[in-house]
Amino acid sequence: MMLIVKSLLVVFFLLASSIKMLGWVKAVFDIQLSFFKKYGLNRTIMFAIGVIEATGASMILVGMISSLSLLTSLGGCLLAIVSVGAIFFHFRFDTWKDAIPSIVTLLLSTLVALPLFRLY
């Protein structure tokens, strides 16, 4: 089950981050950029968030491949932080419906990050 959760997070965030960084799916990029502009954020911030998302997803992927559970948990933690930020901005500036994907990614990334907190 956790393999599926981790895989979904990796695929989702690698796709989402690559669109934020490279803009290769113009329709999705334009929607995301309009959200960021509505929030008072610019293209540079959007790119930086894409880098953070790609880093978190890559940490999970490398952790899965190499069996480094600490790296996987840290990647989940990073994605959870990004998801909390997205939820905040969606609730502040949009409707709750716009926050649903962020809520789902927060729940899934928290599941992946949980072993980090069990170490102590």
PDB file of N, CA and C in Angstrom:
ATOM      1  N   MET A   1       0.824  -1.209   0.000  1.00  0.00           N
ATOM      2  CA  MET A   1       0.000   0.000   0.000  1.00  0.00           C
ATOM      3  C   MET A   1       0.863   1.267   0.000  1.00  0.00           C
ATOM      4  N   MET A   2       1.900   1.269   0.869  1.00  0.00           N
ATOM      5  CA  MET A   2       2.760   2.460   0.933  1.00  0.00           C
ATOM      6  C   MET A   2       3.529   2.664  -0.361  1.00  0.00           C
ATOM      7  N   LEU A   3       3.844   1.582  -1.054  1.00  0.00           N
ATOM      8  CA  LEU A   3       4.521   1.709  -2.343  1.00  0.00           C
ATOM      9  C   LEU A   3       3.650   2.478  -3.324  1.00  0.00           C
ATOM     10  N   ILE A   4       2.352   2.230  -3.292  1.00  0.00           N
ATOM     11  CA  ILE A   4       1.413   2.928  -4.170  1.00  0.00           C
ATOM     12  C   ILE A   4       1.337   4.407  -3.785  1.00  0.00           C
ATOM     13  N   VAL A   5       1.247   4.690  -2.492  1.00  0.00           N
ATOM     14  CA  VAL A   5       1.174   6.074  -2.013  1.00  0.00           C
ATOM     15  C   VAL A   5       2.427   6.835  -2.424  1.00  0.00           C
ATOM     16  N   LYS A   6       3.588   6.247  -2.185  1.00  0.00           N
ATOM     17  CA  LYS A   6       4.853   6.904  -2.547  1.00  0.00           C
ATOM     18  C   LYS A   6       4.945   7.124  -4.046  1.00  0.00           C
ATOM     19  N   SER A   7       4.553   6.117  -4.810  1.00  0.00           N
ATOM     20  CA  SER A   7       4.610   6.221  -6.273  1.00  0.00           C
ATOM     21  C   SER A   7       3.680   7.319  -6.789  1.00  0.00           C
ATOM     22  N   LEU A   8       2.476   7.394  -6.234  1.00  0.00           N
ATOM     23  CA  LEU A   8       1.531   8.446  -6.636  1.00  0.00           C
ATOM     24  C   LEU A   8       2.103   9.835  -6.345  1.00  0.00           C
ATOM     25  N   LEU A   9       2.683   9.994  -5.155  1.00  0.00           N
ATOM     26  CA  LEU A   9       3.277  11.285  -4.807  1.00  0.00           C
ATOM     27  C   LEU A   9       4.412  11.653  -5.748  1.00  0.00           C
ATOM     28  N   VAL A  10       5.272  10.696  -6.031  1.00  0.00           N
ATOM     29  CA  VAL A  10       6.409  10.954  -6.924  1.00  0.00           C
ATOM     30  C   VAL A  10       5.918  11.381  -8.299  1.00  0.00           C
ATOM     31  N   VAL A  11       4.996  10.617  -8.874  1.00  0.00           N
ATOM     32  CA  VAL A  11       4.497  10.942 -10.218  1.00  0.00           C
ATOM     33  C   VAL A  11       3.795  12.306 -10.219  1.00  0.00           C
ATOM     34  N   PHE A  12       2.906  12.518  -9.259  1.00  0.00           N
ATOM     35  CA  PHE A  12       2.154  13.775  -9.213  1.00  0.00           C
ATOM     36  C   PHE A  12       3.092  14.974  -9.089  1.00  0.00           C
ATOM     37  N   PHE A  13       4.020  14.920  -8.121  1.00  0.00           N
ATOM     38  CA  PHE A  13       4.860  16.085  -7.872  1.00  0.00           C
ATOM     39  C   PHE A  13       5.939  16.268  -8.926  1.00  0.00           C
ATOM     40  N   LEU A  14       6.425  15.203  -9.543  1.00  0.00           N
ATOM     41  CA  LEU A  14       7.381  15.394 -10.635  1.00  0.00           C
ATOM     42  C   LEU A  14       6.693  16.046 -11.834  1.00  0.00           C
ATOM     43  N   LEU A  15       5.459  15.650 -12.107  1.00  0.00           N
ATOM     44  CA  LEU A  15       4.715  16.296 -13.202  1.00  0.00           C
ATOM     45  C   LEU A  15       4.383  17.751 -12.859  1.00  0.00           C
ATOM     46  N   ALA A  16       3.835  17.964 -11.662  1.00  0.00           N
ATOM     47  CA  ALA A  16       3.444  19.324 -11.269  1.00  0.00           C
ATOM     48  C   ALA A  16       4.648  20.251 -11.203  1.00  0.00           C
ATOM     49  N   SER A  17       5.746  19.762 -10.652  1.00  0.00           N
ATOM     50  CA  SER A  17       6.935  20.623 -10.523  1.00  0.00           C
ATOM     51  C   SER A  17       7.545  20.923 -11.882  1.00  0.00           C
ATOM     52  N   SER A  18       7.554  19.941 -12.771  1.00  0.00           N
ATOM     53  CA  SER A  18       8.136  20.184 -14.096  1.00  0.00           C
ATOM     54  C   SER A  18       7.318  21.216 -14.872  1.00  0.00           C
ATOM     55  N   ILE A  19       6.018  21.214 -14.667  1.00  0.00           N
ATOM     56  CA  ILE A  19       5.181  22.232 -15.323  1.00  0.00           C
ATOM     57  C   ILE A  19       5.471  23.602 -14.727  1.00  0.00           C
ATOM     58  N   LYS A  20       5.633  23.681 -13.403  1.00  0.00           N
ATOM     59  CA  LYS A  20       5.956  24.962 -12.764  1.00  0.00           C
ATOM     60  C   LYS A  20       7.311  25.484 -13.217  1.00  0.00           C
ATOM     61  N   MET A  21       8.272  24.590 -13.386  1.00  0.00           N
ATOM     62  CA  MET A  21       9.622  25.017 -13.743  1.00  0.00           C
ATOM     63  C   MET A  21       9.779  25.264 -15.246  1.00  0.00           C
ATOM     64  N   LEU A  22       9.220  24.381 -16.070  1.00  0.00           N
ATOM     65  CA  LEU A  22       9.469  24.426 -17.506  1.00  0.00           C
ATOM     66  C   LEU A  22       8.294  24.923 -18.337  1.00  0.00           C
ATOM     67  N   GLY A  23       7.088  24.871 -17.784  1.00  0.00           N
ATOM     68  CA  GLY A  23       5.905  25.332 -18.502  1.00  0.00           C
ATOM     69  C   GLY A  23       5.566  24.506 -19.722  1.00  0.00           C
ATOM     70  N   TRP A  24       5.872  23.218 -19.694  1.00  0.00           N
ATOM     71  CA  TRP A  24       5.722  22.389 -20.889  1.00  0.00           C
ATOM     72  C   TRP A  24       4.285  22.007 -21.210  1.00  0.00           C
ATOM     73  N   VAL A  25       3.359  22.133 -20.272  1.00  0.00           N
ATOM     74  CA  VAL A  25       1.932  21.953 -20.573  1.00  0.00           C
ATOM     75  C   VAL A  25       1.290  23.324 -20.393  1.00  0.00           C
ATOM     76  N   LYS A  26       1.192  24.049 -21.500  1.00  0.00           N
ATOM     77  CA  LYS A  26       0.814  25.459 -21.452  1.00  0.00           C
ATOM     78  C   LYS A  26      -0.513  25.710 -20.739  1.00  0.00           C
ATOM     79  N   ALA A  27      -1.513  24.902 -20.992  1.00  0.00           N
ATOM     80  CA  ALA A  27      -2.826  25.121 -20.375  1.00  0.00           C
ATOM     81  C   ALA A  27      -2.741  25.024 -18.849  1.00  0.00           C
ATOM     82  N   VAL A  28      -2.045  24.021 -18.351  1.00  0.00           N
ATOM     83  CA  VAL A  28      -1.896  23.853 -16.906  1.00  0.00           C
ATOM     84  C   VAL A  28      -0.991  24.945 -16.338  1.00  0.00           C
ATOM     85  N   PHE A  29       0.088  25.246 -17.042  1.00  0.00           N
ATOM     86  CA  PHE A  29       1.013  26.295 -16.608  1.00  0.00           C
ATOM     87  C   PHE A  29       0.286  27.631 -16.448  1.00  0.00           C
ATOM     88  N   ASP A  30      -0.533  27.985 -17.424  1.00  0.00           N
ATOM     89  CA  ASP A  30      -1.261  29.259 -17.370  1.00  0.00           C
ATOM     90  C   ASP A  30      -2.208  29.314 -16.167  1.00  0.00           C
ATOM     91  N   ILE A  31      -2.873  28.209 -15.868  1.00  0.00           N
ATOM     92  CA  ILE A  31      -3.768  28.155 -14.705  1.00  0.00           C
ATOM     93  C   ILE A  31      -2.971  28.329 -13.423  1.00  0.00           C
ATOM     94  N   GLN A  32      -1.861  27.595 -13.309  1.00  0.00           N
ATOM     95  CA  GLN A  32      -1.028  27.699 -12.101  1.00  0.00           C
ATOM     96  C   GLN A  32      -0.457  29.103 -11.944  1.00  0.00           C
ATOM     97  N   LEU A  33       0.014  29.679 -13.039  1.00  0.00           N
ATOM     98  CA  LEU A  33       0.582  31.028 -12.978  1.00  0.00           C
ATOM     99  C   LEU A  33      -0.478  32.054 -12.575  1.00  0.00           C
ATOM    100  N   SER A  34      -1.703  31.870 -13.044  1.00  0.00           N
ATOM    101  CA  SER A  34      -2.766  32.806 -12.656  1.00  0.00           C
ATOM    102  C   SER A  34      -3.079  32.693 -11.158  1.00  0.00           C
ATOM    103  N   PHE A  35      -3.021  31.473 -10.609  1.00  0.00           N
ATOM    104  CA  PHE A  35      -3.172  31.305  -9.159  1.00  0.00           C
ATOM    105  C   PHE A  35      -2.074  32.080  -8.433  1.00  0.00           C
ATOM    106  N   PHE A  36      -0.835  31.883  -8.829  1.00  0.00           N
ATOM    107  CA  PHE A  36       0.283  32.540  -8.167  1.00  0.00           C
ATOM    108  C   PHE A  36       0.155  34.061  -8.232  1.00  0.00           C
ATOM    109  N   LYS A  37      -0.224  34.569  -9.398  1.00  0.00           N
ATOM    110  CA  LYS A  37      -0.392  36.027  -9.530  1.00  0.00           C
ATOM    111  C   LYS A  37      -1.519  36.536  -8.632  1.00  0.00           C
ATOM    112  N   LYS A  38      -2.600  35.756  -8.523  1.00  0.00           N
ATOM    113  CA  LYS A  38      -3.708  36.140  -7.647  1.00  0.00           C
ATOM    114  C   LYS A  38      -3.241  36.216  -6.188  1.00  0.00           C
ATOM    115  N   TYR A  39      -2.283  35.361  -5.837  1.00  0.00           N
ATOM    116  CA  TYR A  39      -1.753  35.324  -4.472  1.00  0.00           C
ATOM    117  C   TYR A  39      -0.706  36.400  -4.221  1.00  0.00           C
ATOM    118  N   GLY A  40      -0.376  37.178  -5.249  1.00  0.00           N
ATOM    119  CA  GLY A  40       0.655  38.202  -5.097  1.00  0.00           C
ATOM    120  C   GLY A  40       2.064  37.635  -5.230  1.00  0.00           C
ATOM    121  N   LEU A  41       2.183  36.458  -5.817  1.00  0.00           N
ATOM    122  CA  LEU A  41       3.480  35.808  -6.008  1.00  0.00           C
ATOM    123  C   LEU A  41       3.867  35.871  -7.480  1.00  0.00           C
ATOM    124  N   ASN A  42       5.157  35.854  -7.742  1.00  0.00           N
ATOM    125  CA  ASN A  42       5.605  35.981  -9.128  1.00  0.00           C
ATOM    126  C   ASN A  42       6.114  34.656  -9.694  1.00  0.00           C
ATOM    127  N   ARG A  43       6.573  34.725 -10.925  1.00  0.00           N
ATOM    128  CA  ARG A  43       7.050  33.538 -11.648  1.00  0.00           C
ATOM    129  C   ARG A  43       8.273  32.923 -10.965  1.00  0.00           C
ATOM    130  N   THR A  44       9.118  33.745 -10.364  1.00  0.00           N
ATOM    131  CA  THR A  44      10.306  33.237  -9.679  1.00  0.00           C
ATOM    132  C   THR A  44       9.908  32.374  -8.485  1.00  0.00           C
ATOM    133  N   ILE A  45       8.908  32.813  -7.729  1.00  0.00           N
ATOM    134  CA  ILE A  45       8.417  32.029  -6.594  1.00  0.00           C
ATOM    135  C   ILE A  45       7.813  30.723  -7.095  1.00  0.00           C
ATOM    136  N   MET A  46       7.078  30.789  -8.189  1.00  0.00           N
ATOM    137  CA  MET A  46       6.482  29.581  -8.757  1.00  0.00           C
ATOM    138  C   MET A  46       7.575  28.588  -9.157  1.00  0.00           C
ATOM    139  N   PHE A  47       8.637  29.077  -9.761  1.00  0.00           N
ATOM    140  CA  PHE A  47       9.754  28.219 -10.145  1.00  0.00           C
ATOM    141  C   PHE A  47      10.397  27.599  -8.903  1.00  0.00           C
ATOM    142  N   ALA A  48      10.597  28.405  -7.869  1.00  0.00           N
ATOM    143  CA  ALA A  48      11.215  27.913  -6.627  1.00  0.00           C
ATOM    144  C   ALA A  48      10.359  26.822  -5.985  1.00  0.00           C
ATOM    145  N   ILE A  49       9.055  27.001  -5.997  1.00  0.00           N
ATOM    146  CA  ILE A  49       8.166  25.976  -5.435  1.00  0.00           C
ATOM    147  C   ILE A  49       8.259  24.702  -6.271  1.00  0.00           C
ATOM    148  N   GLY A  50       8.377  24.861  -7.585  1.00  0.00           N
ATOM    149  CA  GLY A  50       8.580  23.693  -8.446  1.00  0.00           C
ATOM    150  C   GLY A  50       9.864  22.955  -8.101  1.00  0.00           C
ATOM    151  N   VAL A  51      10.925  23.684  -7.806  1.00  0.00           N
ATOM    152  CA  VAL A  51      12.192  23.061  -7.414  1.00  0.00           C
ATOM    153  C   VAL A  51      12.023  22.301  -6.095  1.00  0.00           C
ATOM    154  N   ILE A  52      11.328  22.905  -5.139  1.00  0.00           N
ATOM    155  CA  ILE A  52      11.100  22.246  -3.846  1.00  0.00           C
ATOM    156  C   ILE A  52      10.270  20.979  -4.038  1.00  0.00           C
ATOM    157  N   GLU A  53       9.235  21.060  -4.862  1.00  0.00           N
ATOM    158  CA  GLU A  53       8.408  19.881  -5.135  1.00  0.00           C
ATOM    159  C   GLU A  53       9.226  18.778  -5.801  1.00  0.00           C
ATOM    160  N   ALA A  54      10.041  19.145  -6.783  1.00  0.00           N
ATOM    161  CA  ALA A  54      10.875  18.154  -7.474  1.00  0.00           C
ATOM    162  C   ALA A  54      11.886  17.533  -6.518  1.00  0.00           C
ATOM    163  N   THR A  55      12.417  18.334  -5.617  1.00  0.00           N
ATOM    164  CA  THR A  55      13.374  17.827  -4.636  1.00  0.00           C
ATOM    165  C   THR A  55      12.710  16.814  -3.706  1.00  0.00           C
ATOM    166  N   GLY A  56      11.538  17.149  -3.177  1.00  0.00           N
ATOM    167  CA  GLY A  56      10.816  16.231  -2.295  1.00  0.00           C
ATOM    168  C   GLY A  56      10.458  14.928  -2.995  1.00  0.00           C
ATOM    169  N   ALA A  57       9.950  15.036  -4.216  1.00  0.00           N
ATOM    170  CA  ALA A  57       9.576  13.838  -4.969  1.00  0.00           C
ATOM    171  C   ALA A  57      10.808  12.993  -5.295  1.00  0.00           C
ATOM    172  N   SER A  58      11.910  13.642  -5.633  1.00  0.00           N
ATOM    173  CA  SER A  58      13.147  12.919  -5.943  1.00  0.00           C
ATOM    174  C   SER A  58      13.700  12.225  -4.704  1.00  0.00           C
ATOM    175  N   MET A  59      13.588  12.874  -3.553  1.00  0.00           N
ATOM    176  CA  MET A  59      14.042  12.258  -2.306  1.00  0.00           C
ATOM    177  C   MET A  59      13.251  10.979  -2.024  1.00  0.00           C
ATOM    178  N   ILE A  60      11.942  11.039  -2.252  1.00  0.00           N
ATOM    179  CA  ILE A  60      11.116   9.840  -2.046  1.00  0.00           C
ATOM    180  C   ILE A  60      11.530   8.749  -3.026  1.00  0.00           C
ATOM    181  N   LEU A  61      11.719   9.114  -4.288  1.00  0.00           N
ATOM    182  CA  LEU A  61      12.085   8.138  -5.316  1.00  0.00           C
ATOM    183  C   LEU A  61      13.432   7.483  -5.011  1.00  0.00           C
ATOM    184  N   VAL A  62      14.437   8.284  -4.707  1.00  0.00           N
ATOM    185  CA  VAL A  62      15.763   7.734  -4.401  1.00  0.00           C
ATOM    186  C   VAL A  62      15.702   6.891  -3.135  1.00  0.00           C
ATOM    187  N   GLY A  63      14.941   7.354  -2.148  1.00  0.00           N
ATOM    188  CA  GLY A  63      14.778   6.582  -0.921  1.00  0.00           C
ATOM    189  C   GLY A  63      14.108   5.243  -1.164  1.00  0.00           C
ATOM    190  N   MET A  64      13.142   5.224  -2.076  1.00  0.00           N
ATOM    191  CA  MET A  64      12.466   3.965  -2.414  1.00  0.00           C
ATOM    192  C   MET A  64      13.427   3.003  -3.115  1.00  0.00           C
ATOM    193  N   ILE A  65      14.198   3.528  -4.045  1.00  0.00           N
ATOM    194  CA  ILE A  65      15.110   2.694  -4.828  1.00  0.00           C
ATOM    195  C   ILE A  65      16.237   2.144  -3.958  1.00  0.00           C
ATOM    196  N   SER A  66      16.750   2.987  -3.062  1.00  0.00           N
ATOM    197  CA  SER A  66      17.917   2.597  -2.263  1.00  0.00           C
ATOM    198  C   SER A  66      17.555   2.071  -0.866  1.00  0.00           C
ATOM    199  N   SER A  67      16.281   1.988  -0.578  1.00  0.00           N
ATOM    200  CA  SER A  67      15.796   1.549   0.739  1.00  0.00           C
ATOM    201  C   SER A  67      16.266   2.449   1.882  1.00  0.00           C
ATOM    202  N   LEU A  68      16.443   3.725   1.601  1.00  0.00           N
ATOM    203  CA  LEU A  68      16.797   4.700   2.638  1.00  0.00           C
ATOM    204  C   LEU A  68      15.514   5.335   3.157  1.00  0.00           C
ATOM    205  N   SER A  69      14.955   4.740   4.197  1.00  0.00           N
ATOM    206  CA  SER A  69      13.664   5.202   4.701  1.00  0.00           C
ATOM    207  C   SER A  69      13.744   6.628   5.254  1.00  0.00           C
ATOM    208  N   LEU A  70      14.899   7.021   5.792  1.00  0.00           N
ATOM    209  CA  LEU A  70      15.039   8.388   6.297  1.00  0.00           C
ATOM    210  C   LEU A  70      14.895   9.393   5.166  1.00  0.00           C
ATOM    211  N   LEU A  71      15.529   9.123   4.024  1.00  0.00           N
ATOM    212  CA  LEU A  71      15.435  10.023   2.870  1.00  0.00           C
ATOM    213  C   LEU A  71      14.001  10.091   2.362  1.00  0.00           C
ATOM    214  N   THR A  72      13.334   8.947   2.319  1.00  0.00           N
ATOM    215  CA  THR A  72      11.934   8.907   1.889  1.00  0.00           C
ATOM    216  C   THR A  72      11.063   9.736   2.827  1.00  0.00           C
ATOM    217  N   SER A  73      11.266   9.589   4.116  1.00  0.00           N
ATOM    218  CA  SER A  73      10.477  10.337   5.101  1.00  0.00           C
ATOM    219  C   SER A  73      10.746  11.834   5.015  1.00  0.00           C
ATOM    220  N   LEU A  74      12.004  12.212   4.805  1.00  0.00           N
ATOM    221  CA  LEU A  74      12.332  13.635   4.656  1.00  0.00           C
ATOM    222  C   LEU A  74      11.680  14.221   3.405  1.00  0.00           C
ATOM    223  N   GLY A  75      11.655  13.449   2.327  1.00  0.00           N
ATOM    224  CA  GLY A  75      10.966  13.893   1.111  1.00  0.00           C
ATOM    225  C   GLY A  75       9.480  14.073   1.357  1.00  0.00           C
ATOM    226  N   GLY A  76       8.876  13.146   2.096  1.00  0.00           N
ATOM    227  CA  GLY A  76       7.460  13.265   2.451  1.00  0.00           C
ATOM    228  C   GLY A  76       7.205  14.496   3.298  1.00  0.00           C
ATOM    229  N   CYS A  77       8.118  14.780   4.203  1.00  0.00           N
ATOM    230  CA  CYS A  77       7.997  15.962   5.065  1.00  0.00           C
ATOM    231  C   CYS A  77       8.056  17.245   4.233  1.00  0.00           C
ATOM    232  N   LEU A  78       8.987  17.280   3.278  1.00  0.00           N
ATOM    233  CA  LEU A  78       9.110  18.445   2.408  1.00  0.00           C
ATOM    234  C   LEU A  78       7.839  18.663   1.591  1.00  0.00           C
ATOM    235  N   LEU A  79       7.282  17.587   1.065  1.00  0.00           N
ATOM    236  CA  LEU A  79       6.040  17.710   0.290  1.00  0.00           C
ATOM    237  C   LEU A  79       4.865  18.093   1.175  1.00  0.00           C
ATOM    238  N   ALA A  80       4.863  17.635   2.425  1.00  0.00           N
ATOM    239  CA  ALA A  80       3.800  18.028   3.354  1.00  0.00           C
ATOM    240  C   ALA A  80       3.846  19.530   3.617  1.00  0.00           C
ATOM    241  N   ILE A  81       5.045  20.067   3.772  1.00  0.00           N
ATOM    242  CA  ILE A  81       5.194  21.512   4.007  1.00  0.00           C
ATOM    243  C   ILE A  81       4.683  22.304   2.812  1.00  0.00           C
ATOM    244  N   VAL A  82       5.034  21.876   1.611  1.00  0.00           N
ATOM    245  CA  VAL A  82       4.548  22.542   0.393  1.00  0.00           C
ATOM    246  C   VAL A  82       3.026  22.458   0.316  1.00  0.00           C
ATOM    247  N   SER A  83       2.479  21.303   0.673  1.00  0.00           N
ATOM    248  CA  SER A  83       1.024  21.116   0.627  1.00  0.00           C
ATOM    249  C   SER A  83       0.315  22.028   1.627  1.00  0.00           C
ATOM    250  N   VAL A  84       0.895  22.205   2.811  1.00  0.00           N
ATOM    251  CA  VAL A  84       0.306  23.118   3.805  1.00  0.00           C
ATOM    252  C   VAL A  84       0.281  24.542   3.246  1.00  0.00           C
ATOM    253  N   GLY A  85       1.358  24.947   2.609  1.00  0.00           N
ATOM    254  CA  GLY A  85       1.393  26.277   1.991  1.00  0.00           C
ATOM    255  C   GLY A  85       0.325  26.434   0.924  1.00  0.00           C
ATOM    256  N   ALA A  86       0.179  25.408   0.093  1.00  0.00           N
ATOM    257  CA  ALA A  86      -0.845  25.460  -0.960  1.00  0.00           C
ATOM    258  C   ALA A  86      -2.242  25.543  -0.357  1.00  0.00           C
ATOM    259  N   ILE A  87      -2.485  24.763   0.687  1.00  0.00           N
ATOM    260  CA  ILE A  87      -3.798  24.797   1.348  1.00  0.00           C
ATOM    261  C   ILE A  87      -4.074  26.194   1.897  1.00  0.00           C
ATOM    262  N   PHE A  88      -3.074  26.776   2.536  1.00  0.00           N
ATOM    263  CA  PHE A  88      -3.237  28.120   3.082  1.00  0.00           C
ATOM    264  C   PHE A  88      -3.659  29.113   2.001  1.00  0.00           C
ATOM    265  N   PHE A  89      -2.927  29.124   0.899  1.00  0.00           N
ATOM    266  CA  PHE A  89      -3.235  30.090  -0.156  1.00  0.00           C
ATOM    267  C   PHE A  89      -4.576  29.811  -0.815  1.00  0.00           C
ATOM    268  N   HIS A  90      -4.918  28.540  -0.997  1.00  0.00           N
ATOM    269  CA  HIS A  90      -6.223  28.225  -1.591  1.00  0.00           C
ATOM    270  C   HIS A  90      -7.369  28.661  -0.675  1.00  0.00           C
ATOM    271  N   PHE A  91      -7.250  28.406   0.623  1.00  0.00           N
ATOM    272  CA  PHE A  91      -8.311  28.835   1.540  1.00  0.00           C
ATOM    273  C   PHE A  91      -8.369  30.355   1.656  1.00  0.00           C
ATOM    274  N   ARG A  92      -7.222  31.003   1.562  1.00  0.00           N
ATOM    275  CA  ARG A  92      -7.165  32.465   1.708  1.00  0.00           C
ATOM    276  C   ARG A  92      -7.722  33.190   0.490  1.00  0.00           C
ATOM    277  N   PHE A  93      -7.430  32.670  -0.710  1.00  0.00           N
ATOM    278  CA  PHE A  93      -7.761  33.404  -1.933  1.00  0.00           C
ATOM    279  C   PHE A  93      -8.776  32.715  -2.844  1.00  0.00           C
ATOM    280  N   ASP A  94      -9.020  31.432  -2.659  1.00  0.00           N
ATOM    281  CA  ASP A  94      -9.878  30.674  -3.573  1.00  0.00           C
ATOM    282  C   ASP A  94     -11.025  30.031  -2.801  1.00  0.00           C
ATOM    283  N   THR A  95     -11.600  29.007  -3.391  1.00  0.00           N
ATOM    284  CA  THR A  95     -12.646  28.242  -2.716  1.00  0.00           C
ATOM    285  C   THR A  95     -12.033  26.980  -2.116  1.00  0.00           C
ATOM    286  N   TRP A  96     -12.739  26.342  -1.215  1.00  0.00           N
ATOM    287  CA  TRP A  96     -12.239  25.121  -0.594  1.00  0.00           C
ATOM    288  C   TRP A  96     -12.039  24.022  -1.630  1.00  0.00           C
ATOM    289  N   LYS A  97     -12.819  24.071  -2.713  1.00  0.00           N
ATOM    290  CA  LYS A  97     -12.687  23.058  -3.762  1.00  0.00           C
ATOM    291  C   LYS A  97     -11.308  23.090  -4.415  1.00  0.00           C
ATOM    292  N   ASP A  98     -10.739  24.294  -4.531  1.00  0.00           N
ATOM    293  CA  ASP A  98      -9.406  24.414  -5.115  1.00  0.00           C
ATOM    294  C   ASP A  98      -8.340  23.805  -4.212  1.00  0.00           C
ATOM    295  N   ALA A  99      -8.636  23.664  -2.930  1.00  0.00           N
ATOM    296  CA  ALA A  99      -7.676  23.122  -1.965  1.00  0.00           C
ATOM    297  C   ALA A  99      -7.701  21.598  -1.888  1.00  0.00           C
ATOM    298  N   ILE A 100      -8.678  20.955  -2.499  1.00  0.00           N
ATOM    299  CA  ILE A 100      -8.820  19.497  -2.372  1.00  0.00           C
ATOM    300  C   ILE A 100      -7.554  18.737  -2.797  1.00  0.00           C
ATOM    301  N   PRO A 101      -6.951  19.029  -3.966  1.00  0.00           N
ATOM    302  CA  PRO A 101      -5.721  18.293  -4.312  1.00  0.00           C
ATOM    303  C   PRO A 101      -4.611  18.487  -3.274  1.00  0.00           C
ATOM    304  N   SER A 102      -4.495  19.685  -2.736  1.00  0.00           N
ATOM    305  CA  SER A 102      -3.468  19.950  -1.722  1.00  0.00           C
ATOM    306  C   SER A 102      -3.760  19.205  -0.425  1.00  0.00           C
ATOM    307  N   ILE A 103      -5.015  19.081  -0.079  1.00  0.00           N
ATOM    308  CA  ILE A 103      -5.392  18.339   1.120  1.00  0.00           C
ATOM    309  C   ILE A 103      -5.040  16.860   0.944  1.00  0.00           C
ATOM    310  N   VAL A 104      -5.325  16.327  -0.239  1.00  0.00           N
ATOM    311  CA  VAL A 104      -5.004  14.922  -0.516  1.00  0.00           C
ATOM    312  C   VAL A 104      -3.489  14.705  -0.469  1.00  0.00           C
ATOM    313  N   THR A 105      -2.719  15.607  -1.102  1.00  0.00           N
ATOM    314  CA  THR A 105      -1.269  15.440  -1.084  1.00  0.00           C
ATOM    315  C   THR A 105      -0.706  15.625   0.326  1.00  0.00           C
ATOM    316  N   LEU A 106      -1.325  16.465   1.136  1.00  0.00           N
ATOM    317  CA  LEU A 106      -0.887  16.606   2.529  1.00  0.00           C
ATOM    318  C   LEU A 106      -1.091  15.299   3.286  1.00  0.00           C
ATOM    319  N   LEU A 107      -2.247  14.693   3.129  1.00  0.00           N
ATOM    320  CA  LEU A 107      -2.527  13.427   3.820  1.00  0.00           C
ATOM    321  C   LEU A 107      -1.561  12.333   3.373  1.00  0.00           C
ATOM    322  N   LEU A 108      -1.350  12.218   2.071  1.00  0.00           N
ATOM    323  CA  LEU A 108      -0.462  11.172   1.561  1.00  0.00           C
ATOM    324  C   LEU A 108       0.989  11.417   1.956  1.00  0.00           C
ATOM    325  N   SER A 109       1.446  12.657   1.852  1.00  0.00           N
ATOM    326  CA  SER A 109       2.838  12.950   2.202  1.00  0.00           C
ATOM    327  C   SER A 109       3.076  12.815   3.701  1.00  0.00           C
ATOM    328  N   THR A 110       2.052  13.078   4.500  1.00  0.00           N
ATOM    329  CA  THR A 110       2.171  12.874   5.947  1.00  0.00           C
ATOM    330  C   THR A 110       2.338  11.387   6.256  1.00  0.00           C
ATOM    331  N   LEU A 111       1.620  10.536   5.543  1.00  0.00           N
ATOM    332  CA  LEU A 111       1.794   9.090   5.715  1.00  0.00           C
ATOM    333  C   LEU A 111       3.229   8.663   5.417  1.00  0.00           C
ATOM    334  N   VAL A 112       3.803   9.258   4.374  1.00  0.00           N
ATOM    335  CA  VAL A 112       5.177   8.926   3.995  1.00  0.00           C
ATOM    336  C   VAL A 112       6.163   9.480   5.019  1.00  0.00           C
ATOM    337  N   ALA A 113       5.864  10.646   5.591  1.00  0.00           N
ATOM    338  CA  ALA A 113       6.771  11.289   6.547  1.00  0.00           C
ATOM    339  C   ALA A 113       6.688  10.692   7.948  1.00  0.00           C
ATOM    340  N   LEU A 114       5.620   9.995   8.278  1.00  0.00           N
ATOM    341  CA  LEU A 114       5.416   9.493   9.643  1.00  0.00           C
ATOM    342  C   LEU A 114       6.575   8.701  10.246  1.00  0.00           C
ATOM    343  N   PRO A 115       7.227   7.827   9.490  1.00  0.00           N
ATOM    344  CA  PRO A 115       8.353   7.100  10.105  1.00  0.00           C
ATOM    345  C   PRO A 115       9.463   8.019  10.640  1.00  0.00           C
ATOM    346  N   LEU A 116       9.590   9.183  10.096  1.00  0.00           N
ATOM    347  CA  LEU A 116      10.583  10.146  10.589  1.00  0.00           C
ATOM    348  C   LEU A 116      10.311  10.507  12.045  1.00  0.00           C
ATOM    349  N   PHE A 117       9.058  10.620  12.396  1.00  0.00           N
ATOM    350  CA  PHE A 117       8.686  11.014  13.747  1.00  0.00           C
ATOM    351  C   PHE A 117       8.666   9.834  14.716  1.00  0.00           C
ATOM    352  N   ARG A 118       8.684   8.634  14.190  1.00  0.00           N
ATOM    353  CA  ARG A 118       8.738   7.443  15.026  1.00  0.00           C
ATOM    354  C   ARG A 118      10.171   7.111  15.451  1.00  0.00           C
ATOM    355  N   LEU A 119      11.143   7.795  14.858  1.00  0.00           N
ATOM    356  CA  LEU A 119      12.539   7.544  15.197  1.00  0.00           C
ATOM    357  C   LEU A 119      12.888   8.072  16.573  1.00  0.00           C
ATOM    358  N   TYR A 120      12.113   9.032  17.048  1.00  0.00           N
ATOM    359  CA  TYR A 120      12.462   9.688  18.317  1.00  0.00           C
ATOM    360  C   TYR A 120      11.545   9.299  19.437  1.00  0.00           C
TER     361      TYR A 120
END
